[in-house]
Amino acid sequence: MLASTRDRVRDLVLRHGWNATCYQTVNPIFEYTFFSELDAVVAFVRARGKRVVAGAPVCPHENLAGVLDLFARAERSGVLYFGAGDRVTEIMRNAYPKSVVSLGAQPVWTPKAWDDRVLKRKSLRYQFNRARNKGVVVREWSTEEAESSADLRLVLKEWLNTRGHPPLHFLVEPETLDFLADRRTFVAELSGKPIAFLNLCPVPLRKGWLTEQFPRMKDSPNGTIELLMHEAAHAVARDGSEYLTMGLVPFSVHGAINLNPNWLRRVMELTRVFGKPLYSFTGLNEFKSKFNPEEWEPVYAASAGRNFRPTDLLAVAQAFTGEHFLGTLGRLVRKTIQR
């Protein structure tokens, strides 16, 4: 991505970004359509002949309906919005009631109330103390220190190599260490060496933060990731932040499932069960749930101008995996056989 393009997108995000994933649009995977007269940008990837939009258009709220209309008319091959919040889905649902579905949920906290929620859990207090007793110390690093750190890249590389699937992209991009402007990086250190880290990216208009990833070394002490999250939440609370989310849990039971047609509910159930060798949706849901969220925000997908279809679900999957569904299915079968 050209620096000038990234700067233009970043400027719009910092002025108008409301969607939880808005800052993800500065990542280099995306294409962009700008609507200068509406002070707007739409970030998207191409999948199965459709434009899959990252969250929502970034623009002033009063211009949102106009941007949605212009982009749909400009992109005749089909437009999908994934990770869209209430602002987009309210407009879409009014025009096409069956165009919006819920494909997951994200846990949310008010940072100043973090301890009231989290310290109720004896198991979490035990994890925090366990990591501290092993010598784990959490420190926030500066942007310059984090971007230039070979140690953090080693942590990320080892973590990615231990995953049961190739890295996902789109709204869960792992390769962010080259551009940490506006982000905050918290590092867990053991004897002065990084063993794990956490990135937060801003949600400007909500005075909040989204956690991006939790890379860690395979031999990091138990409780390291929990302690990282705990210390990061304290830091943003001290700075007066009002919103904190740990991001998407795909196919979460906490989503607005009542919106979904029967075929989609069945697919979600089957994926939670049989998709574990490739990606443990249930495990991710359990990990984020243990922090006792104040609420779960539904994560929506919306198809512009028509009902949401099975082919739309395949397009969303391809946006994340970067490959055809049959390729993902083949890896799932191989992993299942290996297990």
C-alpha atoms as a PDB file:
ATOM      1  CA  MET A   1       0.000   0.000   0.000  1.00  0.00           C
ATOM      2  CA  LEU A   2       1.262   3.475  -0.840  1.00  0.00           C
ATOM      3  CA  ALA A   3       2.015   5.549   2.241  1.00  0.00           C
ATOM      4  CA  SER A   4      -0.175   8.355   0.907  1.00  0.00           C
ATOM      5  CA  THR A   5      -3.157   5.989   0.623  1.00  0.00           C
ATOM      6  CA  ARG A   6      -2.623   4.607   4.121  1.00  0.00           C
ATOM      7  CA  ASP A   7      -2.346   8.145   5.507  1.00  0.00           C
ATOM      8  CA  ARG A   8      -5.597   9.089   3.800  1.00  0.00           C
ATOM      9  CA  VAL A   9      -7.421   6.051   5.216  1.00  0.00           C
ATOM     10  CA  ARG A  10      -5.897   6.561   8.665  1.00  0.00           C
ATOM     11  CA  ASP A  11      -7.003  10.201   8.735  1.00  0.00           C
ATOM     12  CA  LEU A  12     -10.598   9.211   7.966  1.00  0.00           C
ATOM     13  CA  VAL A  13     -10.542   6.464  10.593  1.00  0.00           C
ATOM     14  CA  LEU A  14      -9.216   8.762  13.317  1.00  0.00           C
ATOM     15  CA  ARG A  15     -11.909  11.324  12.538  1.00  0.00           C
ATOM     16  CA  HIS A  16     -14.909   9.086  11.860  1.00  0.00           C
ATOM     17  CA  GLY A  17     -14.099   5.541  13.038  1.00  0.00           C
ATOM     18  CA  TRP A  18     -16.979   4.092  15.085  1.00  0.00           C
ATOM     19  CA  ASN A  19     -17.095   0.427  14.106  1.00  0.00           C
ATOM     20  CA  ALA A  20     -15.025  -1.806  16.409  1.00  0.00           C
ATOM     21  CA  THR A  21     -12.861  -2.983  13.494  1.00  0.00           C
ATOM     22  CA  CYS A  22     -12.480   0.420  11.835  1.00  0.00           C
ATOM     23  CA  TYR A  23      -8.709   0.656  12.362  1.00  0.00           C
ATOM     24  CA  GLN A  24      -8.183  -2.700  10.662  1.00  0.00           C
ATOM     25  CA  THR A  25      -8.801  -0.890   7.383  1.00  0.00           C
ATOM     26  CA  VAL A  26      -5.290   0.609   7.473  1.00  0.00           C
ATOM     27  CA  ASN A  27      -3.819  -2.882   6.964  1.00  0.00           C
ATOM     28  CA  PRO A  28      -2.343  -3.425   3.478  1.00  0.00           C
ATOM     29  CA  ILE A  29      -4.627  -6.305   2.467  1.00  0.00           C
ATOM     30  CA  PHE A  30      -7.474  -3.998   1.405  1.00  0.00           C
ATOM     31  CA  GLU A  31      -8.600  -2.184  -1.708  1.00  0.00           C
ATOM     32  CA  TYR A  32     -10.384   1.138  -1.292  1.00  0.00           C
ATOM     33  CA  THR A  33     -13.128   3.209  -2.805  1.00  0.00           C
ATOM     34  CA  PHE A  34     -13.107   6.838  -1.691  1.00  0.00           C
ATOM     35  CA  PHE A  35     -16.093   9.190  -1.799  1.00  0.00           C
ATOM     36  CA  SER A  36     -14.447  12.542  -1.258  1.00  0.00           C
ATOM     37  CA  GLU A  37     -17.682  14.525  -1.377  1.00  0.00           C
ATOM     38  CA  LEU A  38     -18.984  12.448   1.560  1.00  0.00           C
ATOM     39  CA  ASP A  39     -15.629  12.337   3.413  1.00  0.00           C
ATOM     40  CA  ALA A  40     -15.758   8.546   3.211  1.00  0.00           C
ATOM     41  CA  VAL A  41     -13.803   5.407   2.409  1.00  0.00           C
ATOM     42  CA  VAL A  42     -14.925   1.807   1.925  1.00  0.00           C
ATOM     43  CA  ALA A  43     -12.270  -0.901   2.475  1.00  0.00           C
ATOM     44  CA  PHE A  44     -12.875  -4.310   0.906  1.00  0.00           C
ATOM     45  CA  VAL A  45     -11.406  -7.526  -0.459  1.00  0.00           C
ATOM     46  CA  ARG A  46     -12.605  -9.522  -3.451  1.00  0.00           C
ATOM     47  CA  ALA A  47     -14.003 -13.003  -2.807  1.00  0.00           C
ATOM     48  CA  ARG A  48     -16.135 -15.216  -5.053  1.00  0.00           C
ATOM     49  CA  GLY A  49     -16.830 -12.336  -7.392  1.00  0.00           C
ATOM     50  CA  LYS A  50     -18.100 -10.083  -4.583  1.00  0.00           C
ATOM     51  CA  ARG A  51     -16.729  -7.121  -2.666  1.00  0.00           C
ATOM     52  CA  VAL A  52     -16.557  -8.079   1.014  1.00  0.00           C
ATOM     53  CA  VAL A  53     -16.366  -4.873   3.024  1.00  0.00           C
ATOM     54  CA  ALA A  54     -14.358  -4.635   6.229  1.00  0.00           C
ATOM     55  CA  GLY A  55     -16.936  -3.708   8.824  1.00  0.00           C
ATOM     56  CA  ALA A  56     -18.599  -0.568   7.591  1.00  0.00           C
ATOM     57  CA  PRO A  57     -17.845   2.506   5.490  1.00  0.00           C
ATOM     58  CA  VAL A  58     -15.780   5.026   7.437  1.00  0.00           C
ATOM     59  CA  CYS A  59     -17.571   8.351   7.200  1.00  0.00           C
ATOM     60  CA  PRO A  60     -19.652  10.843   9.199  1.00  0.00           C
ATOM     61  CA  HIS A  61     -22.760   9.122  10.506  1.00  0.00           C
ATOM     62  CA  GLU A  62     -25.051  11.470   8.614  1.00  0.00           C
ATOM     63  CA  ASN A  63     -23.405  10.399   5.326  1.00  0.00           C
ATOM     64  CA  LEU A  64     -23.628   6.653   5.919  1.00  0.00           C
ATOM     65  CA  ALA A  65     -26.846   5.959   3.996  1.00  0.00           C
ATOM     66  CA  GLY A  66     -25.529   7.895   0.999  1.00  0.00           C
ATOM     67  CA  VAL A  67     -22.234   5.979   0.996  1.00  0.00           C
ATOM     68  CA  LEU A  68     -24.014   2.623   1.203  1.00  0.00           C
ATOM     69  CA  ASP A  69     -26.179   3.566  -1.766  1.00  0.00           C
ATOM     70  CA  LEU A  70     -23.315   4.879  -3.895  1.00  0.00           C
ATOM     71  CA  PHE A  71     -21.063   1.889  -3.233  1.00  0.00           C
ATOM     72  CA  ALA A  72     -23.817  -0.639  -3.989  1.00  0.00           C
ATOM     73  CA  ARG A  73     -24.567   1.084  -7.297  1.00  0.00           C
ATOM     74  CA  ALA A  74     -20.887   1.292  -8.213  1.00  0.00           C
ATOM     75  CA  GLU A  75     -20.171  -2.383  -7.451  1.00  0.00           C
ATOM     76  CA  ARG A  76     -22.619  -4.319  -9.625  1.00  0.00           C
ATOM     77  CA  SER A  77     -21.024  -7.699  -8.920  1.00  0.00           C
ATOM     78  CA  GLY A  78     -22.395  -7.773  -5.376  1.00  0.00           C
ATOM     79  CA  VAL A  79     -21.504  -6.224  -2.019  1.00  0.00           C
ATOM     80  CA  LEU A  80     -21.289  -7.847   1.401  1.00  0.00           C
ATOM     81  CA  TYR A  81     -20.598  -6.118   4.684  1.00  0.00           C
ATOM     82  CA  PHE A  82     -18.956  -8.245   7.375  1.00  0.00           C
ATOM     83  CA  GLY A  83     -18.484  -7.003  10.924  1.00  0.00           C
ATOM     84  CA  ALA A  84     -21.032  -4.273  10.357  1.00  0.00           C
ATOM     85  CA  GLY A  85     -22.427  -2.657  13.486  1.00  0.00           C
ATOM     86  CA  ASP A  86     -25.924  -1.475  14.285  1.00  0.00           C
ATOM     87  CA  ARG A  87     -25.581   1.677  12.193  1.00  0.00           C
ATOM     88  CA  VAL A  88     -25.214  -0.231   8.926  1.00  0.00           C
ATOM     89  CA  THR A  89     -27.546  -3.079   9.695  1.00  0.00           C
ATOM     90  CA  GLU A  90     -30.411  -0.799  10.703  1.00  0.00           C
ATOM     91  CA  ILE A  91     -30.314   0.844   7.271  1.00  0.00           C
ATOM     92  CA  MET A  92     -29.922  -2.467   5.428  1.00  0.00           C
ATOM     93  CA  ARG A  93     -32.635  -4.264   7.376  1.00  0.00           C
ATOM     94  CA  ASN A  94     -35.175  -1.517   6.758  1.00  0.00           C
ATOM     95  CA  ALA A  95     -34.728  -1.968   3.007  1.00  0.00           C
ATOM     96  CA  TYR A  96     -34.288  -5.763   2.908  1.00  0.00           C
ATOM     97  CA  PRO A  97     -35.318  -7.473   6.185  1.00  0.00           C
ATOM     98  CA  LYS A  98     -33.606 -10.769   5.313  1.00  0.00           C
ATOM     99  CA  SER A  99     -30.358  -9.209   4.110  1.00  0.00           C
ATOM    100  CA  VAL A 100     -28.817  -9.146   7.615  1.00  0.00           C
ATOM    101  CA  VAL A 101     -27.585 -12.155   9.595  1.00  0.00           C
ATOM    102  CA  SER A 102     -25.506 -12.619  12.739  1.00  0.00           C
ATOM    103  CA  LEU A 103     -22.247 -14.531  12.216  1.00  0.00           C
ATOM    104  CA  GLY A 104     -20.787 -14.094  15.671  1.00  0.00           C
ATOM    105  CA  ALA A 105     -20.403 -11.777  18.623  1.00  0.00           C
ATOM    106  CA  GLN A 106     -17.740  -9.769  20.429  1.00  0.00           C
ATOM    107  CA  PRO A 107     -17.392  -9.336  24.214  1.00  0.00           C
ATOM    108  CA  VAL A 108     -17.411  -5.775  25.550  1.00  0.00           C
ATOM    109  CA  TRP A 109     -16.319  -4.089  28.789  1.00  0.00           C
ATOM    110  CA  THR A 110     -16.260  -0.594  30.226  1.00  0.00           C
ATOM    111  CA  PRO A 111     -12.577  -0.362  31.241  1.00  0.00           C
ATOM    112  CA  LYS A 112     -13.197   1.451  34.532  1.00  0.00           C
ATOM    113  CA  ALA A 113     -15.487  -1.426  35.566  1.00  0.00           C
ATOM    114  CA  TRP A 114     -13.023  -4.130  34.482  1.00  0.00           C
ATOM    115  CA  ASP A 115     -12.025  -5.212  37.987  1.00  0.00           C
ATOM    116  CA  ASP A 116     -15.654  -5.380  39.095  1.00  0.00           C
ATOM    117  CA  ARG A 117     -16.277  -7.952  36.363  1.00  0.00           C
ATOM    118  CA  VAL A 118     -13.017  -9.858  36.205  1.00  0.00           C
ATOM    119  CA  LEU A 119     -11.910 -10.149  39.820  1.00  0.00           C
ATOM    120  CA  LYS A 120     -15.160 -11.943  40.640  1.00  0.00           C
ATOM    121  CA  ARG A 121     -13.643 -14.968  38.923  1.00  0.00           C
ATOM    122  CA  LYS A 122     -11.462 -16.937  41.324  1.00  0.00           C
ATOM    123  CA  SER A 123      -9.958 -18.869  38.419  1.00  0.00           C
ATOM    124  CA  LEU A 124      -8.758 -15.632  36.808  1.00  0.00           C
ATOM    125  CA  ARG A 125      -7.239 -14.300  40.018  1.00  0.00           C
ATOM    126  CA  TYR A 126      -5.374 -17.594  40.268  1.00  0.00           C
ATOM    127  CA  GLN A 127      -4.085 -17.246  36.678  1.00  0.00           C
ATOM    128  CA  PHE A 128      -2.872 -13.675  37.258  1.00  0.00           C
ATOM    129  CA  ASN A 129      -0.998 -14.700  40.411  1.00  0.00           C
ATOM    130  CA  ARG A 130       0.373 -17.823  38.767  1.00  0.00           C
ATOM    131  CA  ALA A 131       2.025 -15.801  35.995  1.00  0.00           C
ATOM    132  CA  ARG A 132       3.334 -13.164  38.422  1.00  0.00           C
ATOM    133  CA  ASN A 133       4.784 -15.850  40.696  1.00  0.00           C
ATOM    134  CA  LYS A 134       6.652 -17.297  37.700  1.00  0.00           C
ATOM    135  CA  GLY A 135       8.257 -13.879  37.173  1.00  0.00           C
ATOM    136  CA  VAL A 136       6.124 -12.586  34.299  1.00  0.00           C
ATOM    137  CA  VAL A 137       6.108  -8.794  34.079  1.00  0.00           C
ATOM    138  CA  VAL A 138       3.895  -6.803  31.685  1.00  0.00           C
ATOM    139  CA  ARG A 139       5.210  -3.562  30.224  1.00  0.00           C
ATOM    140  CA  GLU A 140       3.791  -1.229  27.571  1.00  0.00           C
ATOM    141  CA  TRP A 141       6.302  -0.641  24.787  1.00  0.00           C
ATOM    142  CA  SER A 142       6.603   2.456  22.674  1.00  0.00           C
ATOM    143  CA  THR A 143       5.709   2.294  18.988  1.00  0.00           C
ATOM    144  CA  GLU A 144       9.358   2.648  17.972  1.00  0.00           C
ATOM    145  CA  GLU A 145      10.532  -0.072  20.357  1.00  0.00           C
ATOM    146  CA  ALA A 146       7.866  -2.527  19.206  1.00  0.00           C
ATOM    147  CA  GLU A 147       8.230  -1.901  15.468  1.00  0.00           C
ATOM    148  CA  SER A 148      11.994  -2.421  15.597  1.00  0.00           C
ATOM    149  CA  SER A 149      11.965  -5.476  17.872  1.00  0.00           C
ATOM    150  CA  ALA A 150      13.278  -8.723  16.406  1.00  0.00           C
ATOM    151  CA  ASP A 151      12.165 -10.468  19.623  1.00  0.00           C
ATOM    152  CA  LEU A 152       8.496  -9.644  19.028  1.00  0.00           C
ATOM    153  CA  ARG A 153       8.771 -10.988  15.487  1.00  0.00           C
ATOM    154  CA  LEU A 154      10.184 -14.233  16.854  1.00  0.00           C
ATOM    155  CA  VAL A 155       7.257 -14.510  19.260  1.00  0.00           C
ATOM    156  CA  LEU A 156       4.818 -13.946  16.406  1.00  0.00           C
ATOM    157  CA  LYS A 157       6.584 -16.435  14.133  1.00  0.00           C
ATOM    158  CA  GLU A 158       6.599 -19.202  16.738  1.00  0.00           C
ATOM    159  CA  TRP A 159       2.950 -18.573  17.597  1.00  0.00           C
ATOM    160  CA  LEU A 160       1.854 -18.714  13.961  1.00  0.00           C
ATOM    161  CA  ASN A 161       3.797 -21.940  13.464  1.00  0.00           C
ATOM    162  CA  THR A 162       1.866 -23.600  16.283  1.00  0.00           C
ATOM    163  CA  ARG A 163      -1.565 -22.738  14.876  1.00  0.00           C
ATOM    164  CA  GLY A 164      -3.666 -25.553  13.456  1.00  0.00           C
ATOM    165  CA  HIS A 165      -4.431 -23.433  10.391  1.00  0.00           C
ATOM    166  CA  PRO A 166      -2.622 -20.952   8.157  1.00  0.00           C
ATOM    167  CA  PRO A 167      -2.902 -17.308   9.298  1.00  0.00           C
ATOM    168  CA  LEU A 168      -6.289 -15.705   8.768  1.00  0.00           C
ATOM    169  CA  HIS A 169      -6.444 -12.177   7.408  1.00  0.00           C
ATOM    170  CA  PHE A 170      -9.176  -9.652   6.555  1.00  0.00           C
ATOM    171  CA  LEU A 171     -10.310  -8.447  10.038  1.00  0.00           C
ATOM    172  CA  VAL A 172      -7.907 -10.636  12.046  1.00  0.00           C
ATOM    173  CA  GLU A 173      -4.619  -9.696  10.391  1.00  0.00           C
ATOM    174  CA  PRO A 174      -1.621 -11.018  12.408  1.00  0.00           C
ATOM    175  CA  GLU A 175       1.093  -9.087  10.560  1.00  0.00           C
ATOM    176  CA  THR A 176       0.819  -5.650  12.182  1.00  0.00           C
ATOM    177  CA  LEU A 177       4.298  -5.124  13.652  1.00  0.00           C
ATOM    178  CA  ASP A 178       5.435  -3.049  10.681  1.00  0.00           C
ATOM    179  CA  PHE A 179       2.817  -0.370  11.365  1.00  0.00           C
ATOM    180  CA  LEU A 180       1.902   0.284  14.981  1.00  0.00           C
ATOM    181  CA  ALA A 181       1.013   3.973  14.731  1.00  0.00           C
ATOM    182  CA  ASP A 182      -1.952   4.735  17.016  1.00  0.00           C
ATOM    183  CA  ARG A 183      -1.842   1.186  18.368  1.00  0.00           C
ATOM    184  CA  ARG A 184      -0.732   0.231  21.873  1.00  0.00           C
ATOM    185  CA  THR A 185       1.561  -2.750  22.451  1.00  0.00           C
ATOM    186  CA  PHE A 186       1.790  -4.560  25.784  1.00  0.00           C
ATOM    187  CA  VAL A 187       4.563  -7.114  26.211  1.00  0.00           C
ATOM    188  CA  ALA A 188       4.893  -9.921  28.753  1.00  0.00           C
ATOM    189  CA  GLU A 189       8.537 -10.340  29.714  1.00  0.00           C
ATOM    190  CA  LEU A 190      10.285 -13.124  31.582  1.00  0.00           C
ATOM    191  CA  SER A 191      13.800 -12.357  32.802  1.00  0.00           C
ATOM    192  CA  GLY A 192      13.759  -9.350  30.497  1.00  0.00           C
ATOM    193  CA  LYS A 193      12.851 -11.331  27.341  1.00  0.00           C
ATOM    194  CA  PRO A 194       9.496 -11.015  25.522  1.00  0.00           C
ATOM    195  CA  ILE A 195       7.412 -14.175  25.722  1.00  0.00           C
ATOM    196  CA  ALA A 196       4.048 -12.784  24.592  1.00  0.00           C
ATOM    197  CA  PHE A 197       2.457  -9.550  23.454  1.00  0.00           C
ATOM    198  CA  LEU A 198      -0.894  -7.904  22.897  1.00  0.00           C
ATOM    199  CA  ASN A 199      -1.817  -5.211  20.386  1.00  0.00           C
ATOM    200  CA  LEU A 200      -4.710  -2.812  20.880  1.00  0.00           C
ATOM    201  CA  CYS A 201      -6.015  -0.696  18.021  1.00  0.00           C
ATOM    202  CA  PRO A 202      -8.210   2.382  18.502  1.00  0.00           C
ATOM    203  CA  VAL A 203     -11.966   2.775  18.079  1.00  0.00           C
ATOM    204  CA  PRO A 204     -11.825   6.583  17.992  1.00  0.00           C
ATOM    205  CA  LEU A 205     -15.432   7.740  18.195  1.00  0.00           C
ATOM    206  CA  ARG A 206     -16.195   5.311  21.011  1.00  0.00           C
ATOM    207  CA  LYS A 207     -13.069   6.315  22.962  1.00  0.00           C
ATOM    208  CA  GLY A 208     -12.103   2.686  23.000  1.00  0.00           C
ATOM    209  CA  TRP A 209      -9.876  -0.169  21.936  1.00  0.00           C
ATOM    210  CA  LEU A 210      -9.998  -3.502  20.140  1.00  0.00           C
ATOM    211  CA  THR A 211      -7.586  -6.307  21.034  1.00  0.00           C
ATOM    212  CA  GLU A 212      -5.991  -7.641  17.862  1.00  0.00           C
ATOM    213  CA  GLN A 213      -3.968 -10.706  18.828  1.00  0.00           C
ATOM    214  CA  PHE A 214      -2.246 -12.562  21.676  1.00  0.00           C
ATOM    215  CA  PRO A 215       0.930 -14.140  20.215  1.00  0.00           C
ATOM    216  CA  ARG A 216       2.948 -16.103  22.759  1.00  0.00           C
ATOM    217  CA  MET A 217       5.865 -18.496  23.012  1.00  0.00           C
ATOM    218  CA  LYS A 218       4.812 -22.111  23.452  1.00  0.00           C
ATOM    219  CA  ASP A 219       6.624 -22.396  26.804  1.00  0.00           C
ATOM    220  CA  SER A 220       5.201 -19.190  28.302  1.00  0.00           C
ATOM    221  CA  PRO A 221       3.882 -19.757  31.856  1.00  0.00           C
ATOM    222  CA  ASN A 222       0.205 -20.421  32.378  1.00  0.00           C
ATOM    223  CA  GLY A 223      -1.679 -17.206  33.000  1.00  0.00           C
ATOM    224  CA  THR A 224       0.574 -15.067  30.792  1.00  0.00           C
ATOM    225  CA  ILE A 225      -2.145 -14.100  28.310  1.00  0.00           C
ATOM    226  CA  GLU A 226      -4.680 -13.496  31.068  1.00  0.00           C
ATOM    227  CA  LEU A 227      -2.222 -11.190  32.850  1.00  0.00           C
ATOM    228  CA  LEU A 228      -1.478  -9.332  29.597  1.00  0.00           C
ATOM    229  CA  MET A 229      -5.169  -8.633  29.073  1.00  0.00           C
ATOM    230  CA  HIS A 230      -5.626  -7.601  32.708  1.00  0.00           C
ATOM    231  CA  GLU A 231      -2.768  -5.095  32.656  1.00  0.00           C
ATOM    232  CA  ALA A 232      -3.796  -3.661  29.285  1.00  0.00           C
ATOM    233  CA  ALA A 233      -7.353  -3.119  30.535  1.00  0.00           C
ATOM    234  CA  HIS A 234      -6.001  -1.291  33.593  1.00  0.00           C
ATOM    235  CA  ALA A 235      -3.836   0.935  31.383  1.00  0.00           C
ATOM    236  CA  VAL A 236      -6.676   2.058  29.107  1.00  0.00           C
ATOM    237  CA  ALA A 237      -8.942   2.554  32.133  1.00  0.00           C
ATOM    238  CA  ARG A 238      -6.382   4.908  33.681  1.00  0.00           C
ATOM    239  CA  ASP A 239      -6.387   6.909  30.448  1.00  0.00           C
ATOM    240  CA  GLY A 240     -10.156   7.379  30.554  1.00  0.00           C
ATOM    241  CA  SER A 241     -11.146   4.970  27.783  1.00  0.00           C
ATOM    242  CA  GLU A 242     -14.831   4.079  27.669  1.00  0.00           C
ATOM    243  CA  TYR A 243     -14.951   0.966  25.487  1.00  0.00           C
ATOM    244  CA  LEU A 244     -12.939  -2.252  25.247  1.00  0.00           C
ATOM    245  CA  THR A 245     -13.625  -5.348  23.153  1.00  0.00           C
ATOM    246  CA  MET A 246     -11.663  -8.534  22.581  1.00  0.00           C
ATOM    247  CA  GLY A 247     -13.095  -8.786  19.088  1.00  0.00           C
ATOM    248  CA  LEU A 248     -14.912 -11.373  17.049  1.00  0.00           C
ATOM    249  CA  VAL A 249     -15.868 -14.863  18.145  1.00  0.00           C
ATOM    250  CA  PRO A 250     -17.143 -16.417  14.887  1.00  0.00           C
ATOM    251  CA  PHE A 251     -20.406 -18.349  15.130  1.00  0.00           C
ATOM    252  CA  SER A 252     -20.724 -17.486  18.819  1.00  0.00           C
ATOM    253  CA  VAL A 253     -23.870 -18.607  20.605  1.00  0.00           C
ATOM    254  CA  HIS A 254     -24.018 -15.092  22.040  1.00  0.00           C
ATOM    255  CA  GLY A 255     -24.850 -13.542  18.663  1.00  0.00           C
ATOM    256  CA  ALA A 256     -28.307 -12.464  17.495  1.00  0.00           C
ATOM    257  CA  ILE A 257     -29.009 -15.949  16.161  1.00  0.00           C
ATOM    258  CA  ASN A 258     -32.748 -15.315  16.033  1.00  0.00           C
ATOM    259  CA  LEU A 259     -32.110 -13.189  12.927  1.00  0.00           C
ATOM    260  CA  ASN A 260     -30.728 -16.130  10.995  1.00  0.00           C
ATOM    261  CA  PRO A 261     -32.543 -18.479   8.614  1.00  0.00           C
ATOM    262  CA  ASN A 262     -32.702 -22.133   9.604  1.00  0.00           C
ATOM    263  CA  TRP A 263     -30.047 -23.227   7.096  1.00  0.00           C
ATOM    264  CA  LEU A 264     -27.519 -20.791   8.601  1.00  0.00           C
ATOM    265  CA  ARG A 265     -28.240 -21.830  12.179  1.00  0.00           C
ATOM    266  CA  ARG A 266     -27.590 -25.433  11.188  1.00  0.00           C
ATOM    267  CA  VAL A 267     -24.333 -24.561   9.421  1.00  0.00           C
ATOM    268  CA  MET A 268     -23.139 -22.649  12.487  1.00  0.00           C
ATOM    269  CA  GLU A 269     -23.927 -25.573  14.778  1.00  0.00           C
ATOM    270  CA  LEU A 270     -22.118 -28.060  12.560  1.00  0.00           C
ATOM    271  CA  THR A 271     -19.098 -25.785  12.146  1.00  0.00           C
ATOM    272  CA  ARG A 272     -18.719 -25.331  15.889  1.00  0.00           C
ATOM    273  CA  VAL A 273     -18.607 -29.110  16.261  1.00  0.00           C
ATOM    274  CA  PHE A 274     -16.680 -30.331  13.219  1.00  0.00           C
ATOM    275  CA  GLY A 275     -14.498 -27.274  12.605  1.00  0.00           C
ATOM    276  CA  LYS A 276     -12.426 -27.748  15.782  1.00  0.00           C
ATOM    277  CA  PRO A 277      -9.393 -29.331  14.061  1.00  0.00           C
ATOM    278  CA  LEU A 278      -9.037 -26.246  11.887  1.00  0.00           C
ATOM    279  CA  TYR A 279     -10.287 -23.484  14.167  1.00  0.00           C
ATOM    280  CA  SER A 280     -11.773 -23.923  17.645  1.00  0.00           C
ATOM    281  CA  PHE A 281     -14.677 -21.495  17.697  1.00  0.00           C
ATOM    282  CA  THR A 282     -15.862 -23.046  20.956  1.00  0.00           C
ATOM    283  CA  GLY A 283     -12.451 -22.685  22.589  1.00  0.00           C
ATOM    284  CA  LEU A 284     -12.216 -19.033  21.563  1.00  0.00           C
ATOM    285  CA  ASN A 285     -15.697 -18.405  22.931  1.00  0.00           C
ATOM    286  CA  GLU A 286     -14.777 -20.022  26.250  1.00  0.00           C
ATOM    287  CA  PHE A 287     -11.518 -18.072  26.539  1.00  0.00           C
ATOM    288  CA  LYS A 288     -13.167 -14.682  26.051  1.00  0.00           C
ATOM    289  CA  SER A 289     -16.212 -15.591  28.142  1.00  0.00           C
ATOM    290  CA  LYS A 290     -14.111 -16.262  31.228  1.00  0.00           C
ATOM    291  CA  PHE A 291     -13.338 -12.531  31.471  1.00  0.00           C
ATOM    292  CA  ASN A 292     -17.027 -12.041  32.360  1.00  0.00           C
ATOM    293  CA  PRO A 293     -18.016  -9.473  29.669  1.00  0.00           C
ATOM    294  CA  GLU A 294     -20.608  -6.822  30.429  1.00  0.00           C
ATOM    295  CA  GLU A 295     -22.315  -7.642  27.147  1.00  0.00           C
ATOM    296  CA  TRP A 296     -21.868  -9.385  23.820  1.00  0.00           C
ATOM    297  CA  GLU A 297     -22.327  -7.255  20.717  1.00  0.00           C
ATOM    298  CA  PRO A 298     -23.640  -9.210  17.711  1.00  0.00           C
ATOM    299  CA  VAL A 299     -21.344  -9.195  14.693  1.00  0.00           C
ATOM    300  CA  TYR A 300     -23.435  -8.907  11.559  1.00  0.00           C
ATOM    301  CA  ALA A 301     -23.069  -9.678   7.898  1.00  0.00           C
ATOM    302  CA  ALA A 302     -25.295  -7.931   5.385  1.00  0.00           C
ATOM    303  CA  SER A 303     -25.878  -8.456   1.689  1.00  0.00           C
ATOM    304  CA  ALA A 304     -26.600  -5.262  -0.216  1.00  0.00           C
ATOM    305  CA  GLY A 305     -29.923  -5.327  -2.009  1.00  0.00           C
ATOM    306  CA  ARG A 306     -31.038  -8.927  -1.454  1.00  0.00           C
ATOM    307  CA  ASN A 307     -31.426 -11.801   0.995  1.00  0.00           C
ATOM    308  CA  PHE A 308     -28.308 -13.335   2.563  1.00  0.00           C
ATOM    309  CA  ARG A 309     -27.476 -16.603   0.750  1.00  0.00           C
ATOM    310  CA  PRO A 310     -25.168 -19.602   1.245  1.00  0.00           C
ATOM    311  CA  THR A 311     -22.857 -18.223  -1.458  1.00  0.00           C
ATOM    312  CA  ASP A 312     -22.475 -15.080   0.663  1.00  0.00           C
ATOM    313  CA  LEU A 313     -21.286 -17.170   3.599  1.00  0.00           C
ATOM    314  CA  LEU A 314     -18.682 -18.789   1.343  1.00  0.00           C
ATOM    315  CA  ALA A 315     -17.511 -15.352   0.223  1.00  0.00           C
ATOM    316  CA  VAL A 316     -17.054 -14.249   3.840  1.00  0.00           C
ATOM    317  CA  ALA A 317     -15.058 -17.419   4.580  1.00  0.00           C
ATOM    318  CA  GLN A 318     -12.831 -16.823   1.556  1.00  0.00           C
ATOM    319  CA  ALA A 319     -12.228 -13.228   2.642  1.00  0.00           C
ATOM    320  CA  PHE A 320     -10.652 -14.559   5.848  1.00  0.00           C
ATOM    321  CA  THR A 321      -8.800 -17.586   4.486  1.00  0.00           C
ATOM    322  CA  GLY A 322      -7.753 -16.178   1.122  1.00  0.00           C
ATOM    323  CA  GLU A 323      -8.541 -19.465  -0.575  1.00  0.00           C
ATOM    324  CA  HIS A 324     -11.452 -21.311  -2.177  1.00  0.00           C
ATOM    325  CA  PHE A 325     -13.794 -23.128   0.199  1.00  0.00           C
ATOM    326  CA  LEU A 326     -12.729 -26.544  -1.159  1.00  0.00           C
ATOM    327  CA  GLY A 327      -9.135 -25.818  -0.152  1.00  0.00           C
ATOM    328  CA  THR A 328     -10.221 -25.002   3.396  1.00  0.00           C
ATOM    329  CA  LEU A 329     -12.454 -28.077   3.478  1.00  0.00           C
ATOM    330  CA  GLY A 330      -9.572 -30.292   2.331  1.00  0.00           C
ATOM    331  CA  ARG A 331      -7.338 -29.055   5.136  1.00  0.00           C
ATOM    332  CA  LEU A 332     -10.160 -29.593   7.616  1.00  0.00           C
ATOM    333  CA  VAL A 333     -10.566 -33.224   6.489  1.00  0.00           C
ATOM    334  CA  ARG A 334      -6.801 -33.855   6.737  1.00  0.00           C
ATOM    335  CA  LYS A 335      -6.629 -32.328  10.217  1.00  0.00           C
ATOM    336  CA  THR A 336      -9.608 -34.361  11.362  1.00  0.00           C
ATOM    337  CA  ILE A 337      -7.992 -37.593  10.123  1.00  0.00           C
ATOM    338  CA  GLN A 338      -4.713 -36.694  11.842  1.00  0.00           C
ATOM    339  CA  ARG A 339      -6.519 -36.062  15.146  1.00  0.00           C
END
